[in-house]
C-alpha atoms as a PDB file:
ATOM      1  CA  MET A   1      80.272  79.353 105.891  1.00  0.00           C
ATOM      2  CA  ILE A   2      80.280  81.230 102.589  1.00  0.00           C
ATOM      3  CA  CYS A   3      83.424  81.284 100.440  1.00  0.00           C
ATOM      4  CA  ILE A   4      84.115  84.868  99.339  1.00  0.00           C
ATOM      5  CA  ALA A   5      85.383  83.624  95.967  1.00  0.00           C
ATOM      6  CA  CYS A   6      82.921  81.016  94.672  1.00  0.00           C
ATOM      7  CA  GLY A   7      79.988  81.965  96.926  1.00  0.00           C
ATOM      8  CA  ASP A   8      79.246  78.352  97.926  1.00  0.00           C
ATOM      9  CA  ASP A   9      78.373  77.346 101.474  1.00  0.00           C
ATOM     10  CA  PHE A  10      80.768  75.010 103.310  1.00  0.00           C
ATOM     11  CA  GLU A  11      80.865  73.497 106.755  1.00  0.00           C
ATOM     12  CA  GLU A  12      84.437  74.680 107.015  1.00  0.00           C
ATOM     13  CA  LEU A  13      86.596  77.137 105.081  1.00  0.00           C
ATOM     14  CA  ALA A  14      90.345  77.117 104.591  1.00  0.00           C
ATOM     15  CA  LYS A  15      92.538  79.345 106.697  1.00  0.00           C
ATOM     16  CA  SER A  16      93.424  81.888 104.013  1.00  0.00           C
ATOM     17  CA  HIS A  17      96.327  84.297 104.286  1.00  0.00           C
ATOM     18  CA  VAL A  18      95.277  87.860 103.510  1.00  0.00           C
ATOM     19  CA  ILE A  19      98.912  88.796 102.939  1.00  0.00           C
ATOM     20  CA  SER A  20     100.643  86.018 101.040  1.00  0.00           C
ATOM     21  CA  ASN A  21     102.897  83.987 103.282  1.00  0.00           C
ATOM     22  CA  PHE A  22     105.804  83.986 100.842  1.00  0.00           C
ATOM     23  CA  ILE A  23     106.438  87.625 101.848  1.00  0.00           C
ATOM     24  CA  ARG A  24     106.916  86.670 105.495  1.00  0.00           C
ATOM     25  CA  LYS A  25     109.045  83.665 104.570  1.00  0.00           C
ATOM     26  CA  ARG A  26     111.418  85.567 102.317  1.00  0.00           C
ATOM     27  CA  ILE A  27     111.771  88.656 104.515  1.00  0.00           C
ATOM     28  CA  THR A  28     111.707  87.134 107.990  1.00  0.00           C
ATOM     29  CA  GLY A  29     113.282  83.824 106.997  1.00  0.00           C
ATOM     30  CA  LEU A  30     116.730  85.354 106.579  1.00  0.00           C
ATOM     31  CA  VAL A  31     119.299  84.449 109.194  1.00  0.00           C
ATOM     32  CA  ASP A  32     122.254  86.366 110.469  1.00  0.00           C
ATOM     33  CA  GLU A  33     125.834  85.123 110.839  1.00  0.00           C
ATOM     34  CA  LYS A  34     124.973  83.344 114.106  1.00  0.00           C
ATOM     35  CA  GLY A  35     122.039  81.495 112.588  1.00  0.00           C
ATOM     36  CA  GLY A  36     119.360  83.633 114.220  1.00  0.00           C
ATOM     37  CA  LYS A  37     116.423  85.221 112.413  1.00  0.00           C
ATOM     38  CA  LYS A  38     117.314  88.565 110.953  1.00  0.00           C
ATOM     39  CA  PHE A  39     113.798  90.021 110.986  1.00  0.00           C
ATOM     40  CA  ARG A  40     110.696  89.621 113.091  1.00  0.00           C
ATOM     41  CA  PHE A  41     107.278  90.953 112.177  1.00  0.00           C
ATOM     42  CA  THR A  42     104.634  92.885 114.059  1.00  0.00           C
ATOM     43  CA  TRP A  43     100.877  93.087 113.608  1.00  0.00           C
ATOM     44  CA  VAL A  44      99.992  96.640 114.477  1.00  0.00           C
ATOM     45  CA  ASN A  45      97.686  97.111 117.465  1.00  0.00           C
ATOM     46  CA  ARG A  46      96.651  93.435 117.493  1.00  0.00           C
ATOM     47  CA  ILE A  47      98.450  91.597 120.291  1.00  0.00           C
ATOM     48  CA  ASP A  48      96.023  88.691 119.862  1.00  0.00           C
ATOM     49  CA  LEU A  49      97.472  87.795 116.449  1.00  0.00           C
ATOM     50  CA  PRO A  50     100.253  85.179 116.163  1.00  0.00           C
ATOM     51  CA  ASN A  51     103.939  86.019 116.078  1.00  0.00           C
ATOM     52  CA  GLN A  52     104.928  82.874 114.173  1.00  0.00           C
ATOM     53  CA  ASP A  53     102.704  83.258 111.116  1.00  0.00           C
ATOM     54  CA  LEU A  54     100.566  85.784 109.290  1.00  0.00           C
ATOM     55  CA  PRO A  55      96.866  85.789 110.240  1.00  0.00           C
ATOM     56  CA  LYS A  56      94.762  83.235 108.363  1.00  0.00           C
ATOM     57  CA  PRO A  57      91.061  84.106 108.602  1.00  0.00           C
ATOM     58  CA  ASN A  58      88.421  81.747 107.200  1.00  0.00           C
ATOM     59  CA  LEU A  59      87.663  83.435 103.880  1.00  0.00           C
ATOM     60  CA  MET A  60      87.782  80.904 101.036  1.00  0.00           C
ATOM     61  CA  CYS A  61      87.161  77.230 100.459  1.00  0.00           C
ATOM     62  CA  LYS A  62      90.219  75.055  99.984  1.00  0.00           C
ATOM     63  CA  GLU A  63      89.740  74.863  96.213  1.00  0.00           C
ATOM     64  CA  CYS A  64      89.510  78.640  95.709  1.00  0.00           C
ATOM     65  CA  ASP A  65      92.381  79.278  98.107  1.00  0.00           C
ATOM     66  CA  SER A  66      94.546  76.830  96.173  1.00  0.00           C
ATOM     67  CA  GLU A  67      93.424  78.289  92.834  1.00  0.00           C
ATOM     68  CA  LEU A  68      94.436  81.795  93.869  1.00  0.00           C
ATOM     69  CA  GLY A  69      97.816  80.520  94.930  1.00  0.00           C
ATOM     70  CA  SER A  70      98.462  78.672  91.676  1.00  0.00           C
ATOM     71  CA  LYS A  71      97.114  81.366  89.326  1.00  0.00           C
ATOM     72  CA  VAL A  72      98.615  84.470  90.921  1.00  0.00           C
ATOM     73  CA  GLU A  73     100.705  84.182  94.066  1.00  0.00           C
ATOM     74  CA  ARG A  74     103.218  81.538  93.011  1.00  0.00           C
ATOM     75  CA  LYS A  75     104.101  83.498  89.894  1.00  0.00           C
ATOM     76  CA  ILE A  76     104.963  86.857  91.396  1.00  0.00           C
ATOM     77  CA  THR A  77     107.512  86.222  94.179  1.00  0.00           C
ATOM     78  CA  ASN A  78     110.523  87.169  92.075  1.00  0.00           C
ATOM     79  CA  LEU A  79     108.636  90.016  90.421  1.00  0.00           C
ATOM     80  CA  LEU A  80     108.095  91.595  93.819  1.00  0.00           C
ATOM     81  CA  MET A  81     111.523  91.128  95.404  1.00  0.00           C
ATOM     82  CA  PRO A  82     114.926  89.552  94.812  1.00  0.00           C
ATOM     83  CA  SER A  83     115.873  86.187  96.259  1.00  0.00           C
ATOM     84  CA  ASP A  84     118.445  87.924  98.470  1.00  0.00           C
ATOM     85  CA  VAL A  85     116.481  90.781  99.992  1.00  0.00           C
ATOM     86  CA  ASP A  86     119.403  91.907 102.147  1.00  0.00           C
ATOM     87  CA  LYS A  87     121.485  93.162  99.214  1.00  0.00           C
ATOM     88  CA  TRP A  88     120.397  96.517  97.818  1.00  0.00           C
ATOM     89  CA  HIS A  89     122.122  95.949  94.478  1.00  0.00           C
ATOM     90  CA  GLU A  90     119.742  93.001  93.938  1.00  0.00           C
ATOM     91  CA  TRP A  91     116.752  95.316  94.473  1.00  0.00           C
ATOM     92  CA  GLU A  92     118.218  97.721  91.923  1.00  0.00           C
ATOM     93  CA  LYS A  93     117.854  95.050  89.245  1.00  0.00           C
ATOM     94  CA  LEU A  94     114.050  95.203  89.555  1.00  0.00           C
ATOM     95  CA  PRO A  95     112.170  97.689  87.317  1.00  0.00           C
ATOM     96  CA  ILE A  96     111.102  99.981  90.155  1.00  0.00           C
ATOM     97  CA  LYS A  97     110.710 103.621  89.160  1.00  0.00           C
ATOM     98  CA  SER A  98     110.911 106.391  91.743  1.00  0.00           C
ATOM     99  CA  THR A  99     107.687 108.408  91.585  1.00  0.00           C
ATOM    100  CA  PRO A 100     106.505 111.455  93.581  1.00  0.00           C
ATOM    101  CA  ILE A 101     103.143 111.642  95.333  1.00  0.00           C
ATOM    102  CA  PHE A 102     102.093 115.245  95.878  1.00  0.00           C
ATOM    103  CA  GLU A 103      99.554 116.799  98.260  1.00  0.00           C
ATOM    104  CA  VAL A 104     100.425 114.498 101.188  1.00  0.00           C
ATOM    105  CA  PHE A 105     103.323 116.323 102.813  1.00  0.00           C
ATOM    106  CA  ASP A 106     104.951 119.691 102.234  1.00  0.00           C
ATOM    107  CA  THR A 107     107.494 118.014  99.988  1.00  0.00           C
ATOM    108  CA  PRO A 108     106.713 115.204  97.507  1.00  0.00           C
ATOM    109  CA  LEU A 109     106.569 111.693  98.977  1.00  0.00           C
ATOM    110  CA  MET A 110     108.855 109.503  96.872  1.00  0.00           C
ATOM    111  CA  VAL A 111     107.665 105.935  96.348  1.00  0.00           C
ATOM    112  CA  GLY A 112     108.618 103.157  93.966  1.00  0.00           C
ATOM    113  CA  LEU A 113     106.268 101.853  91.280  1.00  0.00           C
ATOM    114  CA  TYR A 114     106.917  98.633  89.376  1.00  0.00           C
ATOM    115  CA  SER A 115     107.100  98.860  85.589  1.00  0.00           C
ATOM    116  CA  TYR A 116     107.070  95.407  84.000  1.00  0.00           C
ATOM    117  CA  PRO A 117     105.974  94.273  80.539  1.00  0.00           C
ATOM    118  CA  ILE A 118     102.201  94.019  80.322  1.00  0.00           C
ATOM    119  CA  GLU A 119     101.808  90.317  81.208  1.00  0.00           C
ATOM    120  CA  GLN A 120     104.050  90.451  84.273  1.00  0.00           C
ATOM    121  CA  GLN A 121     102.624  93.799  85.385  1.00  0.00           C
ATOM    122  CA  GLY A 122      99.136  92.343  85.056  1.00  0.00           C
ATOM    123  CA  LEU A 123     100.045  89.525  87.444  1.00  0.00           C
ATOM    124  CA  LEU A 124     101.488  91.990  89.957  1.00  0.00           C
ATOM    125  CA  ASP A 125      98.346  94.140  89.697  1.00  0.00           C
ATOM    126  CA  ARG A 126      96.116  91.100  90.266  1.00  0.00           C
ATOM    127  CA  PHE A 127      98.199  90.140  93.303  1.00  0.00           C
ATOM    128  CA  SER A 128      97.820  93.649  94.751  1.00  0.00           C
ATOM    129  CA  MET A 129      94.069  93.646  94.224  1.00  0.00           C
ATOM    130  CA  SER A 130      93.713  90.141  95.643  1.00  0.00           C
ATOM    131  CA  THR A 131      95.462  91.255  98.839  1.00  0.00           C
ATOM    132  CA  ALA A 132      93.268  94.349  99.258  1.00  0.00           C
ATOM    133  CA  TRP A 133      90.148  92.342  98.313  1.00  0.00           C
ATOM    134  CA  ARG A 134      90.837  89.748 101.010  1.00  0.00           C
ATOM    135  CA  ALA A 135      91.552  92.487 103.543  1.00  0.00           C
ATOM    136  CA  LEU A 136      88.219  94.139 102.684  1.00  0.00           C
ATOM    137  CA  HIS A 137      86.325  90.894 103.257  1.00  0.00           C
ATOM    138  CA  ASP A 138      88.206  90.145 106.463  1.00  0.00           C
ATOM    139  CA  MET A 139      87.311  93.567 107.869  1.00  0.00           C
ATOM    140  CA  SER A 140      83.687  93.097 106.824  1.00  0.00           C
ATOM    141  CA  ARG A 141      83.505  89.721 108.566  1.00  0.00           C
ATOM    142  CA  GLU A 142      85.009  91.307 111.666  1.00  0.00           C
ATOM    143  CA  GLY A 143      82.139  93.794 111.614  1.00  0.00           C
ATOM    144  CA  ARG A 144      84.021  96.907 110.471  1.00  0.00           C
ATOM    145  CA  ASN A 145      81.343  99.406 109.549  1.00  0.00           C
ATOM    146  CA  LEU A 146      82.611 100.898 106.281  1.00  0.00           C
ATOM    147  CA  SER A 147      83.682  97.568 104.782  1.00  0.00           C
ATOM    148  CA  SER A 148      80.424  95.870 105.734  1.00  0.00           C
ATOM    149  CA  GLN A 149      78.298  98.700 104.347  1.00  0.00           C
ATOM    150  CA  PHE A 150      80.257  98.750 101.110  1.00  0.00           C
ATOM    151  CA  LEU A 151      79.983  95.013 100.448  1.00  0.00           C
ATOM    152  CA  ARG A 152      76.238  95.088 101.173  1.00  0.00           C
ATOM    153  CA  SER A 153      75.669  97.932  98.704  1.00  0.00           C
ATOM    154  CA  GLU A 154      74.779  97.405  95.058  1.00  0.00           C
ATOM    155  CA  ARG A 155      77.991  99.096  93.976  1.00  0.00           C
ATOM    156  CA  GLY A 156      80.039  97.040  96.419  1.00  0.00           C
ATOM    157  CA  GLN A 157      78.544  93.807  95.134  1.00  0.00           C
ATOM    158  CA  LEU A 158      79.378  94.851  91.562  1.00  0.00           C
ATOM    159  CA  PHE A 159      82.956  95.681  92.547  1.00  0.00           C
ATOM    160  CA  ASP A 160      83.251  92.387  94.410  1.00  0.00           C
ATOM    161  CA  ARG A 161      82.150  90.428  91.338  1.00  0.00           C
ATOM    162  CA  LEU A 162      84.470  92.375  89.019  1.00  0.00           C
ATOM    163  CA  ALA A 163      87.361  91.916  91.443  1.00  0.00           C
ATOM    164  CA  LYS A 164      86.892  88.143  91.571  1.00  0.00           C
ATOM    165  CA  GLU A 165      86.693  87.885  87.784  1.00  0.00           C
ATOM    166  CA  HIS A 166      89.819  89.992  87.385  1.00  0.00           C
ATOM    167  CA  ILE A 167      91.833  88.278  90.128  1.00  0.00           C
ATOM    168  CA  PHE A 168      91.006  84.662  89.300  1.00  0.00           C
ATOM    169  CA  ASP A 169      90.457  84.811  85.536  1.00  0.00           C
ATOM    170  CA  GLY A 170      92.321  87.911  84.399  1.00  0.00           C
ATOM    171  CA  LYS A 171      89.165  89.482  82.952  1.00  0.00           C
ATOM    172  CA  PRO A 172      89.084  93.260  82.295  1.00  0.00           C
ATOM    173  CA  ARG A 173      88.637  95.362  85.430  1.00  0.00           C
ATOM    174  CA  GLY A 174      85.664  97.326  84.094  1.00  0.00           C
ATOM    175  CA  GLU A 175      84.845 100.075  86.593  1.00  0.00           C
ATOM    176  CA  LEU A 176      87.426  98.848  89.096  1.00  0.00           C
ATOM    177  CA  ARG A 177      90.485 100.973  89.742  1.00  0.00           C
ATOM    178  CA  LEU A 178      93.883  99.381  90.121  1.00  0.00           C
ATOM    179  CA  ALA A 179      95.158  98.524  93.552  1.00  0.00           C
ATOM    180  CA  SER A 180      98.421 100.471  93.532  1.00  0.00           C
ATOM    181  CA  LEU A 181     101.510  98.778  94.923  1.00  0.00           C
ATOM    182  CA  TYR A 182     104.017 101.258  96.369  1.00  0.00           C
ATOM    183  CA  PHE A 183     107.537 100.144  97.198  1.00  0.00           C
ATOM    184  CA  LEU A 184     108.890 102.152 100.129  1.00  0.00           C
ATOM    185  CA  GLY A 185     112.309 100.508 100.268  1.00  0.00           C
ATOM    186  CA  PRO A 186     113.992  98.048 102.667  1.00  0.00           C
ATOM    187  CA  ARG A 187     114.811 100.852 105.110  1.00  0.00           C
ATOM    188  CA  SER A 188     111.132 101.775 105.411  1.00  0.00           C
ATOM    189  CA  ALA A 189     110.345  98.937 107.823  1.00  0.00           C
ATOM    190  CA  ALA A 190     112.925 100.197 110.316  1.00  0.00           C
ATOM    191  CA  ILE A 191     111.754 103.793 109.854  1.00  0.00           C
ATOM    192  CA  ILE A 192     108.126 102.841 110.536  1.00  0.00           C
ATOM    193  CA  SER A 193     108.735 100.378 113.366  1.00  0.00           C
ATOM    194  CA  GLY A 194     111.703 102.127 114.947  1.00  0.00           C
ATOM    195  CA  GLN A 195     113.513  98.763 115.055  1.00  0.00           C
ATOM    196  CA  GLU A 196     116.162  97.552 112.643  1.00  0.00           C
ATOM    197  CA  ASP A 197     114.827  93.993 112.749  1.00  0.00           C
ATOM    198  CA  GLU A 198     111.057  94.582 112.891  1.00  0.00           C
ATOM    199  CA  VAL A 199     108.762  94.482 109.851  1.00  0.00           C
ATOM    200  CA  PRO A 200     105.215  95.902 110.176  1.00  0.00           C
ATOM    201  CA  PHE A 201     102.056  94.380 108.686  1.00  0.00           C
ATOM    202  CA  ALA A 202      98.516  95.764 108.891  1.00  0.00           C
ATOM    203  CA  TRP A 203      95.396  96.612 106.894  1.00  0.00           C
ATOM    204  CA  ALA A 204      92.674  99.188 107.314  1.00  0.00           C
ATOM    205  CA  GLU A 205      89.518 100.633 105.803  1.00  0.00           C
ATOM    206  CA  LEU A 206      90.158 104.266 104.913  1.00  0.00           C
ATOM    207  CA  GLY A 207      87.342 106.764 104.747  1.00  0.00           C
ATOM    208  CA  ASP A 208      85.104 109.028 106.761  1.00  0.00           C
ATOM    209  CA  GLU A 209      82.014 108.307 108.862  1.00  0.00           C
ATOM    210  CA  ASP A 210      79.710 107.289 106.021  1.00  0.00           C
ATOM    211  CA  GLU A 211      81.930 106.385 103.056  1.00  0.00           C
ATOM    212  CA  ILE A 212      84.810 104.041 102.434  1.00  0.00           C
ATOM    213  CA  LEU A 213      87.381 105.660 100.179  1.00  0.00           C
ATOM    214  CA  GLY A 214      89.635 102.657  99.898  1.00  0.00           C
ATOM    215  CA  VAL A 215      91.577  99.844 101.536  1.00  0.00           C
ATOM    216  CA  GLY A 216      95.168 100.160 102.683  1.00  0.00           C
ATOM    217  CA  VAL A 217      97.548  97.271 103.379  1.00  0.00           C
ATOM    218  CA  ILE A 218     101.075  97.607 104.686  1.00  0.00           C
ATOM    219  CA  LEU A 219     103.198  94.524 104.089  1.00  0.00           C
ATOM    220  CA  GLY A 220     106.786  94.959 105.108  1.00  0.00           C
ATOM    221  CA  PHE A 221     108.454  97.237 102.566  1.00  0.00           C
ATOM    222  CA  TRP A 222     105.279  97.920 100.568  1.00  0.00           C
ATOM    223  CA  VAL A 223     101.919  99.638 100.802  1.00  0.00           C
ATOM    224  CA  ILE A 224      98.898  98.607  98.727  1.00  0.00           C
ATOM    225  CA  LEU A 225      96.202 101.226  98.246  1.00  0.00           C
ATOM    226  CA  TRP A 226      92.933 100.243  96.542  1.00  0.00           C
ATOM    227  CA  PRO A 227      90.559 103.139  95.729  1.00  0.00           C
ATOM    228  CA  LEU A 228      86.886 102.239  96.143  1.00  0.00           C
ATOM    229  CA  PHE A 229      85.324 105.699  96.239  1.00  0.00           C
ATOM    230  CA  GLU A 230      82.513 106.862  93.996  1.00  0.00           C
ATOM    231  CA  CYS A 231      82.883 110.245  92.314  1.00  0.00           C
ATOM    232  CA  SER A 232      82.299 112.311  89.227  1.00  0.00           C
ATOM    233  CA  ALA A 233      85.170 113.024  86.852  1.00  0.00           C
ATOM    234  CA  TYR A 234      85.919 116.448  88.343  1.00  0.00           C
ATOM    235  CA  GLU A 235      85.973 115.040  91.920  1.00  0.00           C
ATOM    236  CA  TYR A 236      88.403 112.212  91.178  1.00  0.00           C
ATOM    237  CA  PHE A 237      91.708 113.887  92.017  1.00  0.00           C
ATOM    238  CA  ASP A 238      90.315 115.529  95.169  1.00  0.00           C
ATOM    239  CA  LYS A 239      89.127 112.157  96.461  1.00  0.00           C
ATOM    240  CA  LEU A 240      92.357 110.440  95.451  1.00  0.00           C
ATOM    241  CA  ASN A 241      94.373 113.088  97.287  1.00  0.00           C
ATOM    242  CA  LYS A 242      92.176 112.592 100.341  1.00  0.00           C
ATOM    243  CA  LEU A 243      92.686 108.821 100.195  1.00  0.00           C
ATOM    244  CA  GLU A 244      96.463 109.175  99.830  1.00  0.00           C
ATOM    245  CA  ASN A 245      96.506 111.570 102.792  1.00  0.00           C
ATOM    246  CA  LEU A 246      94.479 109.140 104.895  1.00  0.00           C
ATOM    247  CA  CYS A 247      96.855 106.350 103.950  1.00  0.00           C
ATOM    248  CA  PHE A 248     100.307 107.874 104.148  1.00  0.00           C
ATOM    249  CA  ALA A 249      99.917 110.830 106.525  1.00  0.00           C
ATOM    250  CA  ASN A 250      97.263 109.497 108.902  1.00  0.00           C
ATOM    251  CA  TRP A 251      97.290 105.691 108.889  1.00  0.00           C
ATOM    252  CA  VAL A 252     100.978 104.949 108.232  1.00  0.00           C
ATOM    253  CA  GLY A 253     101.834 107.822 110.567  1.00  0.00           C
ATOM    254  CA  LYS A 254      99.627 106.275 113.248  1.00  0.00           C
ATOM    255  CA  ILE A 255     101.346 102.913 112.784  1.00  0.00           C
ATOM    256  CA  LYS A 256     104.728 104.591 113.203  1.00  0.00           C
ATOM    257  CA  SER A 257     103.632 106.344 116.394  1.00  0.00           C
ATOM    258  CA  GLU A 258     102.275 103.098 117.853  1.00  0.00           C
ATOM    259  CA  LEU A 259     105.392 101.084 117.070  1.00  0.00           C
ATOM    260  CA  ASP A 260     107.932 103.827 117.742  1.00  0.00           C
ATOM    261  CA  PRO A 261     106.534 106.265 120.346  1.00  0.00           C
ATOM    262  CA  SER A 262     109.868 108.076 120.515  1.00  0.00           C
END
């Protein structure tokens, strides 16, 4: 089995979380006054996935999986969310700036973008890309058409190499675009799922029949969107608008309709 990070062949790979498990632990680990769990989580349209843990596909060897955890994931927990996620005034202490996204709905979609000093922001950006990168590989290994085609292409192989160098070693991104991390707010989980105590998680390849435009990941109160499309300079904003529409209007809307048919 080939490790997606180092490229070596192993008899067995580690069970690697696509979405870092600290997110589940901090959000769903809260307890109410009676000692019961305050939140549960749902994998959208995948009843075969576990309810006690996030999915852990075989993606990386143990060494690379551990390296990713030590270099990126363990350093960003408190950058992403407060220790007490149930108190809004603790969220307000984080440098999250309200930002409009146009061309998705009739009125601007307001999302939160993190604005840290360069070193901390760089770690958060690497975390976001690492999540989308793992999701891309997981979908490819499951046989999803757009992800598989992309990773087999010359451009996809270049992006894969640049992503690994950026994620693991902090090297410049080169042609890679940032994987944007959008904070939707603690109330967003209930709005999407239709349940006060249910937090949605999912990932998807976003594109049309013959081209992947990007990867979307929804993880509780956040959405990660990683643009992968190819375009000329004058096409960029049209393709970005299309990707944002696919993500927020189509895909997140579909998740909401599946979890909350009412």
